[in-house]
Amino acid sequence: MSATVIEFFVPGIPTTKNKRKAFTIKNKAGDVVGARVAHPERDKEKQRAFASVANDHAPPAPWVCPVRLELVFTMPIAGSWSGKKTAMAESGELRHTSRPDTSRLTTFVEDALSGVFYLDDALVVELRAEKRFGHRPGTHVRVSQVEGVRSNAKRGER
């Protein structure tokens, strides 16, 4: 029996969850002058939008087996870049080394696919992720079942 492999592309600039829930704003003297709160509902909206594209490719039921997740995050090439810099980005010679972090992008996708492709993101046992530049920003996702291995989770455990 061969492992199921599903590939799809989610267009749009790759995104992450907000890192902080709340933080204070201080003036130069160090006095607290305000507070700012990250809105978790915005995170849920972003994940729902990502998951809605993923749903078109999802298996009939979330997998409960070990999963391999491969991600390529394509970040936009700035229109203001010189021809030389653009060519370097297109060829892969120039890589996206600024924020958002690859690990935060990956966490966002793992969470968005949880309950859609796999029962829980703890089932992701192999992970490969990269950031690159391109003219078509988005996230290329490849999800597959890992053959020949078993889960250590107890039956009914997530």
C-alpha atoms as a PDB file:
ATOM      1  CA  MET A   1       0.000   0.000   0.000  1.00  0.00           C
ATOM      2  CA  SER A   2       1.434   3.379  -0.951  1.00  0.00           C
ATOM      3  CA  ALA A   3       1.239   6.425   1.304  1.00  0.00           C
ATOM      4  CA  THR A   4      -1.252   9.126   0.487  1.00  0.00           C
ATOM      5  CA  VAL A   5       0.385  12.349  -0.726  1.00  0.00           C
ATOM      6  CA  ILE A   6      -1.580  15.573  -1.110  1.00  0.00           C
ATOM      7  CA  GLU A   7      -0.146  18.771  -2.596  1.00  0.00           C
ATOM      8  CA  PHE A   8      -1.728  22.190  -2.972  1.00  0.00           C
ATOM      9  CA  PHE A   9      -0.895  25.894  -3.147  1.00  0.00           C
ATOM     10  CA  VAL A  10      -2.406  28.625  -0.969  1.00  0.00           C
ATOM     11  CA  PRO A  11      -1.986  31.995  -2.708  1.00  0.00           C
ATOM     12  CA  GLY A  12      -1.169  35.136  -0.745  1.00  0.00           C
ATOM     13  CA  ILE A  13       1.744  36.431   1.293  1.00  0.00           C
ATOM     14  CA  PRO A  14       2.582  33.799   3.933  1.00  0.00           C
ATOM     15  CA  THR A  15       1.536  34.872   7.408  1.00  0.00           C
ATOM     16  CA  THR A  16       1.935  33.915  11.062  1.00  0.00           C
ATOM     17  CA  LYS A  17      -0.041  34.148  14.256  1.00  0.00           C
ATOM     18  CA  ASN A  18       0.449  37.236  16.379  1.00  0.00           C
ATOM     19  CA  LYS A  19       3.339  36.591  18.738  1.00  0.00           C
ATOM     20  CA  ARG A  20       2.113  38.544  21.739  1.00  0.00           C
ATOM     21  CA  LYS A  21      -1.320  38.664  23.277  1.00  0.00           C
ATOM     22  CA  ALA A  22      -0.869  42.016  25.050  1.00  0.00           C
ATOM     23  CA  PHE A  23       1.908  44.442  25.862  1.00  0.00           C
ATOM     24  CA  THR A  24       2.371  47.889  27.340  1.00  0.00           C
ATOM     25  CA  ILE A  25       3.545  51.049  25.626  1.00  0.00           C
ATOM     26  CA  LYS A  26       6.074  53.138  27.538  1.00  0.00           C
ATOM     27  CA  ASN A  27       7.402  56.640  26.995  1.00  0.00           C
ATOM     28  CA  LYS A  28      11.124  57.540  27.011  1.00  0.00           C
ATOM     29  CA  ALA A  29      11.082  57.842  30.804  1.00  0.00           C
ATOM     30  CA  GLY A  30       9.799  54.287  31.096  1.00  0.00           C
ATOM     31  CA  ASP A  31       6.303  55.233  32.252  1.00  0.00           C
ATOM     32  CA  VAL A  32       3.437  53.109  30.964  1.00  0.00           C
ATOM     33  CA  VAL A  33       1.358  55.295  28.651  1.00  0.00           C
ATOM     34  CA  GLY A  34      -0.874  52.691  27.069  1.00  0.00           C
ATOM     35  CA  ALA A  35      -1.423  49.099  26.117  1.00  0.00           C
ATOM     36  CA  ARG A  36      -1.863  47.242  22.885  1.00  0.00           C
ATOM     37  CA  VAL A  37      -3.586  43.926  22.468  1.00  0.00           C
ATOM     38  CA  ALA A  38      -3.113  41.438  19.654  1.00  0.00           C
ATOM     39  CA  HIS A  39      -6.481  40.213  18.438  1.00  0.00           C
ATOM     40  CA  PRO A  40      -6.728  36.389  18.551  1.00  0.00           C
ATOM     41  CA  GLU A  41      -9.855  36.542  16.388  1.00  0.00           C
ATOM     42  CA  ARG A  42      -7.685  37.903  13.558  1.00  0.00           C
ATOM     43  CA  ASP A  43      -5.421  34.863  13.946  1.00  0.00           C
ATOM     44  CA  LYS A  44      -8.452  32.591  13.735  1.00  0.00           C
ATOM     45  CA  GLU A  45      -9.662  34.438  10.620  1.00  0.00           C
ATOM     46  CA  LYS A  46      -6.256  33.983   8.938  1.00  0.00           C
ATOM     47  CA  GLN A  47      -6.205  30.281   9.853  1.00  0.00           C
ATOM     48  CA  ARG A  48      -9.787  29.791   8.640  1.00  0.00           C
ATOM     49  CA  ALA A  49      -8.899  31.431   5.312  1.00  0.00           C
ATOM     50  CA  PHE A  50      -5.860  29.143   4.942  1.00  0.00           C
ATOM     51  CA  ALA A  51      -7.863  26.077   6.004  1.00  0.00           C
ATOM     52  CA  SER A  52     -10.670  26.908   3.546  1.00  0.00           C
ATOM     53  CA  VAL A  53      -8.242  26.485   0.633  1.00  0.00           C
ATOM     54  CA  ALA A  54      -6.800  23.360   2.274  1.00  0.00           C
ATOM     55  CA  ASN A  55     -10.285  21.878   2.734  1.00  0.00           C
ATOM     56  CA  ASP A  56     -10.624  21.559  -1.042  1.00  0.00           C
ATOM     57  CA  HIS A  57      -7.746  19.057  -0.957  1.00  0.00           C
ATOM     58  CA  ALA A  58      -8.292  17.409   2.420  1.00  0.00           C
ATOM     59  CA  PRO A  59      -8.812  13.684   2.995  1.00  0.00           C
ATOM     60  CA  PRO A  60     -12.353  12.544   3.904  1.00  0.00           C
ATOM     61  CA  ALA A  61     -11.355  12.359   7.579  1.00  0.00           C
ATOM     62  CA  PRO A  62      -8.298  13.695   9.422  1.00  0.00           C
ATOM     63  CA  TRP A  63      -5.435  11.211   9.538  1.00  0.00           C
ATOM     64  CA  VAL A  64      -4.489   9.586  12.846  1.00  0.00           C
ATOM     65  CA  CYS A  65      -1.115   8.291  11.646  1.00  0.00           C
ATOM     66  CA  PRO A  66       2.370   9.855  11.539  1.00  0.00           C
ATOM     67  CA  VAL A  67       2.542  12.677   8.982  1.00  0.00           C
ATOM     68  CA  ARG A  68       5.265  14.326   6.875  1.00  0.00           C
ATOM     69  CA  LEU A  69       4.766  18.024   6.171  1.00  0.00           C
ATOM     70  CA  GLU A  70       6.762  19.872   3.497  1.00  0.00           C
ATOM     71  CA  LEU A  71       6.302  23.618   3.089  1.00  0.00           C
ATOM     72  CA  VAL A  72       7.691  26.212   0.695  1.00  0.00           C
ATOM     73  CA  PHE A  73       6.868  29.799   1.614  1.00  0.00           C
ATOM     74  CA  THR A  74       7.198  32.122  -1.381  1.00  0.00           C
ATOM     75  CA  MET A  75       7.631  35.736  -0.356  1.00  0.00           C
ATOM     76  CA  PRO A  76       7.056  38.604  -2.798  1.00  0.00           C
ATOM     77  CA  ILE A  77       9.889  40.224  -4.717  1.00  0.00           C
ATOM     78  CA  ALA A  78       9.856  43.971  -4.087  1.00  0.00           C
ATOM     79  CA  GLY A  79       9.036  46.002  -7.165  1.00  0.00           C
ATOM     80  CA  SER A  80      11.643  48.573  -6.121  1.00  0.00           C
ATOM     81  CA  TRP A  81      14.551  46.111  -6.358  1.00  0.00           C
ATOM     82  CA  SER A  82      17.167  46.494  -9.060  1.00  0.00           C
ATOM     83  CA  GLY A  83      17.204  44.069 -11.978  1.00  0.00           C
ATOM     84  CA  LYS A  84      20.292  42.375 -10.538  1.00  0.00           C
ATOM     85  CA  LYS A  85      18.737  41.871  -7.101  1.00  0.00           C
ATOM     86  CA  THR A  86      15.490  40.616  -8.668  1.00  0.00           C
ATOM     87  CA  ALA A  87      17.429  38.116 -10.787  1.00  0.00           C
ATOM     88  CA  MET A  88      19.280  36.900  -7.684  1.00  0.00           C
ATOM     89  CA  ALA A  89      15.959  36.417  -5.872  1.00  0.00           C
ATOM     90  CA  GLU A  90      14.429  34.565  -8.844  1.00  0.00           C
ATOM     91  CA  SER A  91      17.399  32.196  -9.119  1.00  0.00           C
ATOM     92  CA  GLY A  92      17.446  31.422  -5.399  1.00  0.00           C
ATOM     93  CA  GLU A  93      20.846  33.048  -4.924  1.00  0.00           C
ATOM     94  CA  LEU A  94      19.163  35.624  -2.656  1.00  0.00           C
ATOM     95  CA  ARG A  95      17.055  34.028   0.082  1.00  0.00           C
ATOM     96  CA  HIS A  96      14.440  35.496   2.393  1.00  0.00           C
ATOM     97  CA  THR A  97      16.281  35.822   5.718  1.00  0.00           C
ATOM     98  CA  SER A  98      14.135  38.491   7.354  1.00  0.00           C
ATOM     99  CA  ARG A  99      10.914  38.164   9.326  1.00  0.00           C
ATOM    100  CA  PRO A 100       8.609  36.377   9.530  1.00  0.00           C
ATOM    101  CA  ASP A 101      10.602  33.469  10.951  1.00  0.00           C
ATOM    102  CA  THR A 102      10.301  30.123   9.197  1.00  0.00           C
ATOM    103  CA  SER A 103       9.357  28.442  12.483  1.00  0.00           C
ATOM    104  CA  ARG A 104       6.443  30.842  13.059  1.00  0.00           C
ATOM    105  CA  LEU A 105       5.213  30.392   9.478  1.00  0.00           C
ATOM    106  CA  THR A 106       5.388  26.627   9.963  1.00  0.00           C
ATOM    107  CA  THR A 107       3.500  26.747  13.267  1.00  0.00           C
ATOM    108  CA  PHE A 108       0.730  28.742  11.597  1.00  0.00           C
ATOM    109  CA  VAL A 109       0.319  26.112   8.857  1.00  0.00           C
ATOM    110  CA  GLU A 110       0.532  23.170  11.294  1.00  0.00           C
ATOM    111  CA  ASP A 111      -2.244  24.703  13.388  1.00  0.00           C
ATOM    112  CA  ALA A 112      -4.373  25.584  10.343  1.00  0.00           C
ATOM    113  CA  LEU A 113      -4.177  22.002   9.025  1.00  0.00           C
ATOM    114  CA  SER A 114      -4.831  20.385  12.418  1.00  0.00           C
ATOM    115  CA  GLY A 115      -8.253  18.770  12.372  1.00  0.00           C
ATOM    116  CA  VAL A 116      -8.344  19.040   8.573  1.00  0.00           C
ATOM    117  CA  PHE A 117      -5.489  16.782   7.390  1.00  0.00           C
ATOM    118  CA  TYR A 118      -4.439  15.236  10.677  1.00  0.00           C
ATOM    119  CA  LEU A 119      -6.210  14.921  14.008  1.00  0.00           C
ATOM    120  CA  ASP A 120      -3.537  16.833  15.924  1.00  0.00           C
ATOM    121  CA  ASP A 121      -0.308  18.588  14.923  1.00  0.00           C
ATOM    122  CA  ALA A 122       1.566  16.257  17.298  1.00  0.00           C
ATOM    123  CA  LEU A 123       1.220  13.687  14.480  1.00  0.00           C
ATOM    124  CA  VAL A 124       3.673  15.683  12.335  1.00  0.00           C
ATOM    125  CA  VAL A 125       6.851  13.615  12.745  1.00  0.00           C
ATOM    126  CA  GLU A 126       8.783  14.889   9.721  1.00  0.00           C
ATOM    127  CA  LEU A 127       8.963  18.537   8.721  1.00  0.00           C
ATOM    128  CA  ARG A 128      10.736  20.405   5.939  1.00  0.00           C
ATOM    129  CA  ALA A 129      10.256  24.124   5.409  1.00  0.00           C
ATOM    130  CA  GLU A 130      11.929  26.829   3.362  1.00  0.00           C
ATOM    131  CA  LYS A 131      11.439  30.481   2.497  1.00  0.00           C
ATOM    132  CA  ARG A 132      12.227  31.858  -0.908  1.00  0.00           C
ATOM    133  CA  PHE A 133      11.322  34.770  -3.143  1.00  0.00           C
ATOM    134  CA  GLY A 134       9.025  34.596  -6.130  1.00  0.00           C
ATOM    135  CA  HIS A 135       6.563  36.523  -8.278  1.00  0.00           C
ATOM    136  CA  ARG A 136       3.634  34.427  -7.022  1.00  0.00           C
ATOM    137  CA  PRO A 137       3.574  34.703  -3.202  1.00  0.00           C
ATOM    138  CA  GLY A 138       1.983  31.858  -1.330  1.00  0.00           C
ATOM    139  CA  THR A 139       2.521  28.590   0.477  1.00  0.00           C
ATOM    140  CA  HIS A 140       3.117  25.307  -1.319  1.00  0.00           C
ATOM    141  CA  VAL A 141       2.015  22.465   0.955  1.00  0.00           C
ATOM    142  CA  ARG A 142       2.790  18.775   0.591  1.00  0.00           C
ATOM    143  CA  VAL A 143       1.272  16.511   3.247  1.00  0.00           C
ATOM    144  CA  SER A 144       1.819  12.765   3.287  1.00  0.00           C
ATOM    145  CA  GLN A 145       1.412   9.780   5.514  1.00  0.00           C
ATOM    146  CA  VAL A 146       4.700   8.301   6.720  1.00  0.00           C
ATOM    147  CA  GLU A 147       4.909   4.652   5.731  1.00  0.00           C
ATOM    148  CA  GLY A 148       6.373   1.945   7.905  1.00  0.00           C
ATOM    149  CA  VAL A 149       6.087   3.761  11.230  1.00  0.00           C
ATOM    150  CA  ARG A 150       3.456   3.729  13.937  1.00  0.00           C
ATOM    151  CA  SER A 151       2.198   6.244  16.442  1.00  0.00           C
ATOM    152  CA  ASN A 152       3.000   5.870  20.120  1.00  0.00           C
ATOM    153  CA  ALA A 153      -0.264   7.599  21.132  1.00  0.00           C
ATOM    154  CA  LYS A 154      -2.770   5.497  22.973  1.00  0.00           C
ATOM    155  CA  ARG A 155      -6.064   4.803  21.288  1.00  0.00           C
ATOM    156  CA  GLY A 156      -8.373   7.789  21.709  1.00  0.00           C
ATOM    157  CA  GLU A 157      -5.467  10.020  22.782  1.00  0.00           C
ATOM    158  CA  ARG A 158      -4.800  13.143  20.743  1.00  0.00           C
END
